[in-house]
Every structure is written in C-alpha cells, then in structure tokens.
Amino acid sequence: MNSIHKILGLFVTVMILTSCGEKKKTEPQQKTFQTVGKIERLDKTLDEVISPDAVIEVLSTGHAWSEGPIWLKDEQKLVYTDVGHQKLYQWTEKDSVTLYLDMKDPDPNRPGPSALLMDQHDSLVILRYGHGEAVRMKSPIDKPTNDFNVFVDHYNGIRFNNTNDATFHSNGNMIMSDPPPVEESGLKAAVYSITPKGEIEVVTDTLSSPNGIAFSPDEKTVYIANADWQNAIWIAADVDENGVISNGRKFFDATGNAPKEKGHPDGLKVNKHGIIFATGPGGVYILNPEGKHLGTILNDEFNTNCVLDDKEEVLYITSGPKLMRVKLKP
C-alpha cells in the first residue's frame, strides 16, 4: 500500500508541475512600455478621473506627425493618422502598431490625412489637411482601401484651406474647422456646419485659427479650440435641439503658457461625465464642465489630439512623433 501511495503521490506531483508548466506557456506576458513625463494635479477631484499612481506610456515612436485618433469599438483598436507620412496606422494591445492604410499622394511634400471620424452609416470620414477636403472611404472599416468619395471640398466656390478637425452631431451634421489660408485668396478661417447632403453654413469666423471640436454628452454645448499662441483659448457655445450653434464665449485661456511650452490648443475629447481632455500648451489639459483646470498630462511633446476607448478606461494621445496613453478611472 505504501508503494501505491508513493506512486499516486508522484503521479499527482507530476500532473501539478505539468499543469503549472502549461499555464506558464499559455499565459501572455504583460507588455511594458517606456514611461515619460508626469501628471500635474491641480485639484483633488482629478483623482476621480485619473488614479494617483497613473503613468504616461509611450506606445509608438518615429512618426512624422501623429494626429486624428479614433477608437473602433467592434475591433477594439485605435486608428490614427501620420500627416507627414500620409499614412494611417492602427494599434492594438496584441499587435502594437501596424499600417492601416497608405494614402499615397503624387506630391510627397503635401500634408496628408488629419482627423478621422465615423459618420452615422459607420463609414470612415477623413479630413485631408493639405488637400482642403473631407472624403468618405467607400470600403468597410475592416478592409480599408484608397477608394473615396469627396464629401466636401469648397465653400461658395472656393476650396477649403486645410480641413483640420471635425465631429458629428447626432442629427448627422458635421462641425468642421478650417484654419487660416496659406494664400491670400483662400477662405477666412472658420468653423462650418455641414449637413449629410453637403449643405454648408458658417458657425463662426471670429476665431483666428479654429482647430479641435467636441460636444458635451448632452450635446447642449460645443467646445472649440483656437490654435493660436497669441490667443490660446477654448470657446464654448450653446447648441439647441436642432444642432444650431450660438452664444460663443471664452471657456478657458492658456495664452500665458503658450510662449514657454510646446503646443497650442488642438484636438479635444469629452467623456460621459463632461470632463474635457484638451491638448494644449505643455500637455493635455483636464477641465471640468465649468472650465476649472483639474490638472495636466505633461509629456514634453507637442500634443495634437486624443481619444477615449469605448469603456473610457484609457486616453490615447497623439503627440507629434509619438503615440501615448494614460489609463483612467472608468
């Protein structure tokens, strides 16, 4: 009996060790990323948005100018642009960064795609910064091709300057920024409202360099960034039930930081609680709906835009040559 017990004991031990070995083989190793900068905390309520032990992780480097990130919920991946290289990249936790689409251009020196957004029909809309147009990709989002329909490219017979950033209202209207013209004959810098049929109205032409745009969760307020070092502000405006925008007013002013820090007011996003994540001079500003500055994600880069994942657990940040992220409190 003792021999049988010993054999059974040995068998059990071998099975346990084998099981442990197999478990080690199948468990994916946790990736580690370089961390940079710091998170400046100006108000204790920031702890409700970002944990005190949160870090800024660098997911990718080597881009000419990363911009326009969008999160694709169904595919659980990030897609973003490289304006200088005229390409779109994708990032997933499993595969890291891979090419999504090469938007080749006969003129390699012309800036490429800027903002990315999805319309009501789940079509990818791309703002082509150096082309002064917004295009819709004909192919499905999971099978990207260089086959597009031009959505808009001019106003009153004049081509847009450098279509920069945009967002969709629930009524289907696209609110789009067009910065100052490079040539004297260009359109005045403005923000436009564009219907699904391509009908265009000027929302405002009072900003010197309109840029990032985002709605509050209830769509009663729209926030617009002004990418001007001498007037580095964000404005807020009222939005009625039909999507009509009015009563623009200064929401936050970072002009004092602009001369000494990298960046200017650029892309921004708003979470379900109305917290605004706005790229600006020195980092990503975190503001509450009343315009109180809760803190800043300081990463020593020229931050261009940001986006939240579908669970609002991660903020992805495009920062010139880099792609970064900060994990949030859901």
Protein backbone atom coordinates (compact mmCIF):
# COMPACT_ATOMS: atom_id res chain seq x y z
CA MET A 1 0.00 0.00 0.00
CA ASN A 2 2.83 2.36 0.83
CA SER A 3 4.27 1.79 -2.65
CA ILE A 4 0.90 2.52 -4.25
CA HIS A 5 0.58 5.71 -2.18
CA LYS A 6 4.07 6.77 -3.24
CA ILE A 7 3.28 6.13 -6.92
CA LEU A 8 -0.01 8.03 -6.67
CA GLY A 9 1.73 10.88 -4.88
CA LEU A 10 4.43 11.03 -7.54
CA PHE A 11 1.77 10.98 -10.28
CA VAL A 12 -0.15 13.86 -8.68
CA THR A 13 3.06 15.88 -8.29
CA VAL A 14 3.97 15.36 -11.95
CA MET A 15 0.47 16.41 -13.04
CA ILE A 16 0.62 19.57 -10.92
CA LEU A 17 4.04 20.51 -12.29
CA THR A 18 2.93 19.80 -15.85
CA SER A 19 -0.19 21.87 -15.36
CA CYS A 20 1.87 24.76 -13.99
CA GLY A 21 4.24 24.50 -16.93
CA GLU A 22 1.40 24.59 -19.43
CA LYS A 23 -0.15 27.56 -17.62
CA LYS A 24 3.10 29.47 -17.86
CA LYS A 25 3.28 28.73 -21.58
CA THR A 26 -0.27 29.87 -22.35
CA GLU A 27 -0.39 32.97 -20.18
CA PRO A 28 0.55 36.05 -22.28
CA GLN A 29 3.37 38.11 -20.93
CA GLN A 30 2.43 41.60 -19.79
CA LYS A 31 3.95 44.20 -22.11
CA THR A 32 5.90 47.02 -20.60
CA PHE A 33 6.27 50.45 -22.15
CA GLN A 34 8.57 53.39 -21.63
CA THR A 35 7.03 55.98 -19.33
CA VAL A 36 7.60 59.73 -19.63
CA GLY A 37 6.62 63.00 -18.01
CA LYS A 38 4.21 63.37 -15.14
CA ILE A 39 0.60 64.18 -14.33
CA GLU A 40 0.23 67.59 -12.71
CA ARG A 41 -2.60 67.62 -10.16
CA LEU A 42 -4.19 70.99 -9.50
CA ASP A 43 -7.43 69.81 -7.90
CA LYS A 44 -8.20 66.78 -5.73
CA THR A 45 -11.17 65.82 -7.93
CA LEU A 46 -8.65 64.77 -10.60
CA ASP A 47 -8.19 61.59 -8.53
CA GLU A 48 -11.72 60.64 -9.61
CA VAL A 49 -10.60 60.84 -13.25
CA ILE A 50 -7.00 59.57 -13.15
CA SER A 51 -5.55 57.42 -10.37
CA PRO A 52 -2.71 59.00 -8.35
CA ASP A 53 -0.38 56.20 -9.50
CA ALA A 54 -1.20 56.55 -13.22
CA VAL A 55 1.69 56.94 -15.67
CA ILE A 56 2.14 58.17 -19.24
CA GLU A 57 3.12 55.26 -21.51
CA VAL A 58 4.77 55.60 -24.94
CA LEU A 59 3.18 53.09 -27.33
CA SER A 60 4.91 54.10 -30.56
CA THR A 61 7.56 56.50 -31.88
CA GLY A 62 9.03 57.56 -35.21
CA HIS A 63 6.02 59.23 -36.80
CA ALA A 64 6.40 62.44 -38.79
CA TRP A 65 3.29 63.98 -37.17
CA SER A 66 0.72 61.74 -35.46
CA GLU A 67 -2.83 63.08 -35.38
CA GLY A 68 -6.56 62.36 -35.54
CA PRO A 69 -7.01 59.22 -33.38
CA ILE A 70 -10.28 57.29 -33.47
CA TRP A 71 -11.30 54.25 -31.41
CA LEU A 72 -13.07 51.39 -33.20
CA LYS A 73 -15.20 49.61 -30.61
CA ASP A 74 -16.08 46.48 -32.60
CA GLU A 75 -12.45 45.81 -33.47
CA GLN A 76 -11.07 47.09 -30.16
CA LYS A 77 -8.35 49.05 -31.87
CA LEU A 78 -7.06 52.56 -32.35
CA VAL A 79 -6.59 54.10 -35.80
CA TYR A 80 -4.69 57.37 -36.21
CA THR A 81 -3.02 59.43 -38.90
CA ASP A 82 0.53 60.43 -39.71
CA VAL A 83 0.11 63.75 -41.50
CA GLY A 84 3.71 63.97 -42.68
CA HIS A 85 3.98 60.40 -43.98
CA GLN A 86 0.46 60.46 -45.49
CA LYS A 87 -0.46 57.20 -43.77
CA LEU A 88 -2.96 55.77 -41.32
CA TYR A 89 -1.78 53.41 -38.58
CA GLN A 90 -3.59 51.07 -36.23
CA TRP A 91 -2.70 49.98 -32.70
CA THR A 92 -3.92 47.03 -30.67
CA GLU A 93 -2.75 45.64 -27.37
CA LYS A 94 -1.82 42.38 -29.12
CA ASP A 95 -0.10 43.60 -32.29
CA SER A 96 1.08 47.10 -31.29
CA VAL A 97 1.42 49.42 -34.31
CA THR A 98 0.84 48.25 -37.89
CA LEU A 99 -0.01 50.04 -41.12
CA TYR A 100 -3.75 50.59 -41.67
CA LEU A 101 -3.72 52.50 -44.96
CA ASP A 102 -1.10 54.21 -47.13
CA MET A 103 -2.78 57.30 -48.62
CA LYS A 104 -0.22 57.88 -51.33
CA ASP A 105 -0.05 61.33 -52.88
CA PRO A 106 1.68 62.49 -56.09
CA ASP A 107 3.08 65.37 -54.04
CA PRO A 108 5.08 63.84 -51.14
CA ASN A 109 5.54 67.25 -49.53
CA ARG A 110 1.82 67.97 -49.20
CA PRO A 111 0.44 67.26 -45.71
CA GLY A 112 -1.76 64.20 -45.63
CA PRO A 113 -4.73 62.96 -43.58
CA SER A 114 -5.54 64.79 -40.36
CA ALA A 115 -8.77 63.99 -38.48
CA LEU A 116 -10.66 60.68 -38.57
CA LEU A 117 -14.32 60.20 -37.63
CA MET A 118 -17.23 57.84 -38.25
CA ASP A 119 -20.50 59.03 -39.77
CA GLN A 120 -23.98 57.70 -38.97
CA HIS A 121 -23.56 54.91 -41.51
CA ASP A 122 -20.29 53.67 -39.97
CA SER A 123 -18.27 55.00 -42.89
CA LEU A 124 -14.81 56.39 -42.19
CA VAL A 125 -14.55 60.12 -42.90
CA ILE A 126 -11.05 61.51 -43.36
CA LEU A 127 -10.08 65.17 -43.36
CA ARG A 128 -7.17 65.67 -45.75
CA TYR A 129 -5.32 68.62 -44.29
CA GLY A 130 -3.15 69.57 -47.25
CA HIS A 131 -5.95 68.98 -49.74
CA GLY A 132 -8.72 71.11 -48.24
CA GLU A 133 -11.30 68.36 -48.35
CA ALA A 134 -13.18 65.72 -46.38
CA VAL A 135 -13.61 62.31 -48.01
CA ARG A 136 -15.56 59.15 -47.21
CA MET A 137 -13.90 55.78 -47.60
CA LYS A 138 -16.03 53.51 -49.83
CA SER A 139 -14.70 50.26 -48.37
CA PRO A 140 -15.65 48.72 -44.99
CA ILE A 141 -13.71 49.87 -41.95
CA ASP A 142 -12.08 46.45 -41.55
CA LYS A 143 -10.93 46.36 -45.21
CA PRO A 144 -9.54 49.84 -45.90
CA THR A 145 -8.74 50.93 -49.46
CA ASN A 146 -7.74 54.14 -51.23
CA ASP A 147 -11.17 54.47 -52.77
CA PHE A 148 -13.04 57.59 -51.62
CA ASN A 149 -15.98 59.84 -52.31
CA VAL A 150 -15.39 63.55 -51.75
CA PHE A 151 -17.84 64.76 -49.09
CA VAL A 152 -16.96 68.48 -49.12
CA ASP A 153 -14.06 70.45 -50.59
CA HIS A 154 -15.24 74.03 -51.08
CA TYR A 155 -17.47 76.82 -49.78
CA ASN A 156 -19.00 79.42 -52.12
CA GLY A 157 -16.85 78.11 -54.94
CA ILE A 158 -13.55 78.49 -53.02
CA ARG A 159 -11.61 75.44 -51.87
CA PHE A 160 -11.16 74.96 -48.13
CA ASN A 161 -7.76 75.93 -46.74
CA ASN A 162 -6.61 72.98 -44.62
CA THR A 163 -9.55 70.96 -43.32
CA ASN A 164 -8.31 70.21 -39.83
CA ASP A 165 -10.69 68.67 -37.30
CA ALA A 166 -14.36 67.75 -37.05
CA THR A 167 -17.05 65.96 -35.09
CA PHE A 168 -20.58 64.76 -35.82
CA HIS A 169 -23.76 65.91 -34.11
CA SER A 170 -26.43 63.23 -33.57
CA ASN A 171 -28.54 64.90 -36.29
CA GLY A 172 -25.86 63.93 -38.83
CA ASN A 173 -24.31 67.38 -39.25
CA MET A 174 -20.52 67.53 -39.30
CA ILE A 175 -18.96 70.50 -37.49
CA MET A 176 -15.59 71.17 -39.14
CA SER A 177 -12.72 73.61 -38.57
CA ASP A 178 -10.75 75.21 -41.39
CA PRO A 179 -7.69 77.22 -40.24
CA PRO A 180 -6.34 80.39 -41.87
CA PRO A 181 -5.42 80.27 -45.57
CA VAL A 182 -1.88 79.78 -46.76
CA GLU A 183 -2.58 82.02 -49.76
CA GLU A 184 -4.32 85.41 -49.69
CA SER A 185 -7.07 84.17 -51.98
CA GLY A 186 -8.17 81.50 -49.50
CA LEU A 187 -11.23 81.44 -47.29
CA LYS A 188 -11.25 83.23 -43.96
CA ALA A 189 -10.55 80.88 -41.05
CA ALA A 190 -13.90 79.48 -39.90
CA VAL A 191 -15.92 76.66 -38.36
CA TYR A 192 -18.61 75.16 -40.58
CA SER A 193 -21.73 73.06 -40.09
CA ILE A 194 -22.23 70.60 -42.95
CA THR A 195 -25.41 68.55 -43.42
CA PRO A 196 -25.31 64.92 -44.65
CA LYS A 197 -26.27 66.29 -48.09
CA GLY A 198 -23.27 68.63 -48.11
CA GLU A 199 -25.12 71.87 -47.40
CA ILE A 200 -22.75 74.26 -45.60
CA GLU A 201 -23.23 77.09 -43.12
CA VAL A 202 -20.64 79.15 -41.21
CA VAL A 203 -20.82 78.55 -37.46
CA THR A 204 -18.22 81.19 -36.60
CA ASP A 205 -15.41 83.05 -38.34
CA THR A 206 -14.29 85.00 -35.28
CA LEU A 207 -11.51 82.62 -34.22
CA SER A 208 -8.05 83.27 -35.62
CA SER A 209 -7.18 79.57 -36.04
CA PRO A 210 -10.04 77.16 -35.21
CA ASN A 211 -9.00 73.60 -34.52
CA GLY A 212 -10.34 70.82 -32.24
CA ILE A 213 -14.10 70.41 -31.75
CA ALA A 214 -16.17 68.27 -29.35
CA PHE A 215 -19.72 68.19 -27.97
CA SER A 216 -20.73 67.75 -24.34
CA PRO A 217 -22.50 64.43 -23.57
CA ASP A 218 -25.96 66.05 -23.79
CA GLU A 219 -24.96 67.97 -26.95
CA LYS A 220 -26.10 71.24 -25.38
CA THR A 221 -22.56 72.66 -25.53
CA VAL A 222 -19.81 72.52 -28.14
CA TYR A 223 -16.15 73.26 -27.34
CA ILE A 224 -13.80 74.66 -29.98
CA ALA A 225 -10.03 75.12 -29.69
CA ASN A 226 -8.17 78.12 -31.12
CA ALA A 227 -4.67 77.09 -32.23
CA ASP A 228 -3.05 80.48 -31.80
CA TRP A 229 -0.09 81.05 -29.47
CA GLN A 230 -1.14 84.70 -29.02
CA ASN A 231 -4.73 83.76 -28.18
CA ALA A 232 -4.55 80.18 -26.92
CA ILE A 233 -8.15 79.73 -25.87
CA TRP A 234 -11.05 77.30 -26.00
CA ILE A 235 -14.54 78.64 -26.51
CA ALA A 236 -17.87 77.08 -25.51
CA ALA A 237 -21.10 77.68 -27.40
CA ASP A 238 -24.73 76.69 -26.93
CA VAL A 239 -26.35 74.06 -29.13
CA ASP A 240 -30.14 73.83 -29.49
CA GLU A 241 -32.24 70.70 -30.18
CA ASN A 242 -31.76 71.18 -33.94
CA GLY A 243 -27.98 71.41 -33.65
CA VAL A 244 -27.89 75.17 -34.23
CA ILE A 245 -24.84 76.72 -32.52
CA SER A 246 -24.88 80.17 -30.89
CA ASN A 247 -23.63 82.28 -27.97
CA GLY A 248 -19.92 81.55 -28.25
CA ARG A 249 -17.87 82.62 -25.23
CA LYS A 250 -14.39 82.07 -23.80
CA PHE A 251 -14.23 78.82 -21.84
CA PHE A 252 -10.55 78.52 -20.88
CA ASP A 253 -7.44 80.57 -21.60
CA ALA A 254 -3.92 79.10 -21.74
CA THR A 255 -2.25 82.02 -23.51
CA GLY A 256 0.11 82.54 -20.58
CA ASN A 257 1.55 79.06 -21.09
CA ALA A 258 1.80 79.23 -24.88
CA PRO A 259 5.09 81.14 -25.31
CA LYS A 260 7.06 78.86 -22.98
CA GLU A 261 5.54 75.42 -23.70
CA LYS A 262 5.23 73.10 -26.69
CA GLY A 263 1.89 73.10 -28.45
CA HIS A 264 -1.27 75.14 -28.71
CA PRO A 265 -4.99 74.36 -28.29
CA ASP A 266 -5.61 71.45 -30.63
CA GLY A 267 -7.74 68.28 -30.60
CA LEU A 268 -10.02 67.51 -27.64
CA LYS A 269 -12.49 64.91 -26.38
CA VAL A 270 -15.21 64.88 -23.69
CA ASN A 271 -16.11 61.88 -21.52
CA LYS A 272 -19.58 60.79 -20.35
CA HIS A 273 -19.26 62.91 -17.20
CA GLY A 274 -18.50 66.06 -19.19
CA ILE A 275 -14.78 66.12 -18.35
CA ILE A 276 -12.79 67.71 -21.19
CA PHE A 277 -9.39 66.37 -22.28
CA ALA A 278 -7.85 69.14 -24.39
CA THR A 279 -4.40 69.10 -25.96
CA GLY A 280 -2.72 72.47 -25.47
CA PRO A 281 0.47 74.30 -24.50
CA GLY A 282 2.56 71.96 -22.35
CA GLY A 283 0.33 68.87 -22.41
CA VAL A 284 -3.23 67.63 -22.20
CA TYR A 285 -5.43 69.89 -20.07
CA ILE A 286 -8.14 68.24 -17.98
CA LEU A 287 -11.06 70.61 -17.41
CA ASN A 288 -14.44 70.17 -15.75
CA PRO A 289 -17.66 71.44 -17.42
CA GLU A 290 -17.37 74.72 -15.54
CA GLY A 291 -13.94 75.36 -17.03
CA LYS A 292 -11.96 74.56 -13.89
CA HIS A 293 -8.45 73.28 -14.59
CA LEU A 294 -8.11 69.98 -12.69
CA GLY A 295 -4.65 69.04 -13.94
CA THR A 296 -2.41 68.48 -16.94
CA ILE A 297 -0.81 65.43 -18.55
CA LEU A 298 2.75 66.72 -19.04
CA ASN A 299 4.72 64.62 -21.54
CA ASP A 300 7.18 67.13 -23.07
CA GLU A 301 5.74 66.78 -26.57
CA PHE A 302 3.62 68.84 -28.96
CA ASN A 303 0.30 67.13 -28.27
CA THR A 304 -2.05 67.17 -31.26
CA ASN A 305 -5.14 65.17 -30.32
CA CYS A 306 -6.59 62.47 -28.08
CA VAL A 307 -9.39 59.92 -27.88
CA LEU A 308 -11.04 57.68 -25.28
CA ASP A 309 -11.65 53.97 -25.69
CA ASP A 310 -15.27 52.77 -25.61
CA LYS A 311 -15.16 51.99 -21.87
CA GLU A 312 -13.42 55.31 -21.13
CA GLU A 313 -10.68 53.44 -19.31
CA VAL A 314 -7.83 54.72 -21.49
CA LEU A 315 -6.94 58.08 -23.01
CA TYR A 316 -4.82 57.74 -26.17
CA ILE A 317 -2.75 60.79 -27.10
CA THR A 318 -1.11 61.63 -30.42
CA SER A 319 2.00 63.69 -29.70
CA GLY A 320 3.99 64.63 -32.79
CA PRO A 321 6.36 61.68 -33.35
CA LYS A 322 4.72 59.56 -30.64
CA LEU A 323 1.59 57.75 -29.63
CA MET A 324 0.95 57.66 -25.87
CA ARG A 325 -1.69 56.56 -23.41
CA VAL A 326 -2.83 57.15 -19.85
CA LYS A 327 -5.08 54.68 -18.06
CA LEU A 328 -8.10 56.32 -16.42
CA LYS A 329 -10.64 55.52 -13.78
CA PRO A 330 -13.70 54.16 -15.66
